[in-house]
């Protein structure tokens, strides 16, 4: 019943919106599959990945210790 209702509703949407719904459905499937996997170790966590590959900001100049203390 819900599948028929979903298909009927999708057919009322423009093609671009149908693609968005499909993309979201695929995202939900992927997230569900990830939730069902075994927990990761700390070394495999997203935090560890971020530490290994930090975000870079072009032309960023960190403050020196003296500049930071002066503020």
C-alpha atoms as a PDB file:
ATOM      1  CA  UNK A   1       0.000   0.000   0.000  1.00  0.00           C
ATOM      2  CA  UNK A   2       2.690   2.505   0.953  1.00  0.00           C
ATOM      3  CA  UNK A   3       4.736   1.695  -2.167  1.00  0.00           C
ATOM      4  CA  UNK A   4       1.798   2.446  -4.459  1.00  0.00           C
ATOM      5  CA  UNK A   5       1.138   5.701  -2.596  1.00  0.00           C
ATOM      6  CA  UNK A   6       4.818   6.634  -2.820  1.00  0.00           C
ATOM      7  CA  UNK A   7       4.952   5.968  -6.561  1.00  0.00           C
ATOM      8  CA  UNK A   8       1.741   7.920  -7.160  1.00  0.00           C
ATOM      9  CA  UNK A   9       3.115  10.858  -5.186  1.00  0.00           C
ATOM     10  CA  UNK A  10       6.478  10.750  -6.991  1.00  0.00           C
ATOM     11  CA  UNK A  11       4.768  10.796 -10.380  1.00  0.00           C
ATOM     12  CA  UNK A  12       3.234  14.154  -9.452  1.00  0.00           C
ATOM     13  CA  UNK A  13       6.668  15.719  -8.956  1.00  0.00           C
ATOM     14  CA  UNK A  14       8.878  17.207 -11.667  1.00  0.00           C
ATOM     15  CA  UNK A  15      11.836  15.071 -12.737  1.00  0.00           C
ATOM     16  CA  UNK A  16      14.359  17.178 -10.789  1.00  0.00           C
ATOM     17  CA  UNK A  17      12.383  16.728  -7.564  1.00  0.00           C
ATOM     18  CA  UNK A  18      12.053  12.993  -8.215  1.00  0.00           C
ATOM     19  CA  UNK A  19      15.854  12.841  -8.442  1.00  0.00           C
ATOM     20  CA  UNK A  20      16.134  14.639  -5.076  1.00  0.00           C
ATOM     21  CA  UNK A  21      13.782  12.129  -3.470  1.00  0.00           C
ATOM     22  CA  UNK A  22      15.778   9.237  -4.925  1.00  0.00           C
ATOM     23  CA  UNK A  23      19.041  10.750  -3.679  1.00  0.00           C
ATOM     24  CA  UNK A  24      17.563  11.168  -0.190  1.00  0.00           C
ATOM     25  CA  UNK A  25      16.248   7.596  -0.183  1.00  0.00           C
ATOM     26  CA  UNK A  26      19.713   6.311  -1.129  1.00  0.00           C
ATOM     27  CA  UNK A  27      21.202   8.392   1.682  1.00  0.00           C
ATOM     28  CA  UNK A  28      18.775   6.851   4.174  1.00  0.00           C
ATOM     29  CA  UNK A  29      19.656   3.344   2.987  1.00  0.00           C
ATOM     30  CA  UNK A  30      23.369   4.080   3.319  1.00  0.00           C
ATOM     31  CA  UNK A  31      22.944   5.561   6.798  1.00  0.00           C
ATOM     32  CA  UNK A  32      20.855   2.581   7.900  1.00  0.00           C
ATOM     33  CA  UNK A  33      23.525   0.181   6.663  1.00  0.00           C
ATOM     34  CA  UNK A  34      26.233   2.126   8.500  1.00  0.00           C
ATOM     35  CA  UNK A  35      24.188   2.082  11.716  1.00  0.00           C
ATOM     36  CA  UNK A  36      23.969  -1.702  11.510  1.00  0.00           C
ATOM     37  CA  UNK A  37      27.712  -2.258  11.198  1.00  0.00           C
ATOM     38  CA  UNK A  38      29.948  -2.954  14.152  1.00  0.00           C
ATOM     39  CA  UNK A  39      31.181   0.064  16.111  1.00  0.00           C
ATOM     40  CA  UNK A  40      34.467   1.468  14.911  1.00  0.00           C
ATOM     41  CA  UNK A  41      37.588   1.676  17.004  1.00  0.00           C
ATOM     42  CA  UNK A  42      38.824   5.099  18.001  1.00  0.00           C
ATOM     43  CA  UNK A  43      41.492   4.914  15.294  1.00  0.00           C
ATOM     44  CA  UNK A  44      38.742   4.402  12.679  1.00  0.00           C
ATOM     45  CA  UNK A  45      36.438   7.097  14.036  1.00  0.00           C
ATOM     46  CA  UNK A  46      35.579  10.291  12.223  1.00  0.00           C
ATOM     47  CA  UNK A  47      37.541  12.206  14.864  1.00  0.00           C
ATOM     48  CA  UNK A  48      40.691  10.251  14.010  1.00  0.00           C
ATOM     49  CA  UNK A  49      40.095  10.847  10.305  1.00  0.00           C
ATOM     50  CA  UNK A  50      39.754  14.572  10.968  1.00  0.00           C
ATOM     51  CA  UNK A  51      42.974  14.606  12.986  1.00  0.00           C
ATOM     52  CA  UNK A  52      44.840  12.800  10.177  1.00  0.00           C
ATOM     53  CA  UNK A  53      43.324  15.072   7.487  1.00  0.00           C
ATOM     54  CA  UNK A  54      42.531  18.440   9.077  1.00  0.00           C
ATOM     55  CA  UNK A  55      40.715  21.124   7.159  1.00  0.00           C
ATOM     56  CA  UNK A  56      43.044  23.639   5.620  1.00  0.00           C
ATOM     57  CA  UNK A  57      42.303  27.344   5.356  1.00  0.00           C
ATOM     58  CA  UNK A  58      44.203  29.116   2.604  1.00  0.00           C
ATOM     59  CA  UNK A  59      46.530  31.901   3.820  1.00  0.00           C
ATOM     60  CA  UNK A  60      45.745  31.154   7.480  1.00  0.00           C
ATOM     61  CA  UNK A  61      48.360  32.485   9.872  1.00  0.00           C
ATOM     62  CA  UNK A  62      47.989  31.278  13.457  1.00  0.00           C
ATOM     63  CA  UNK A  63      48.734  33.750  16.216  1.00  0.00           C
ATOM     64  CA  UNK A  64      52.047  33.529  17.963  1.00  0.00           C
ATOM     65  CA  UNK A  65      52.005  32.797  21.674  1.00  0.00           C
ATOM     66  CA  UNK A  66      52.839  36.446  22.370  1.00  0.00           C
ATOM     67  CA  UNK A  67      50.045  37.749  20.110  1.00  0.00           C
ATOM     68  CA  UNK A  68      47.531  35.382  21.667  1.00  0.00           C
ATOM     69  CA  UNK A  69      48.544  36.387  25.206  1.00  0.00           C
ATOM     70  CA  UNK A  70      48.345  40.080  24.278  1.00  0.00           C
ATOM     71  CA  UNK A  71      44.697  39.651  23.316  1.00  0.00           C
END
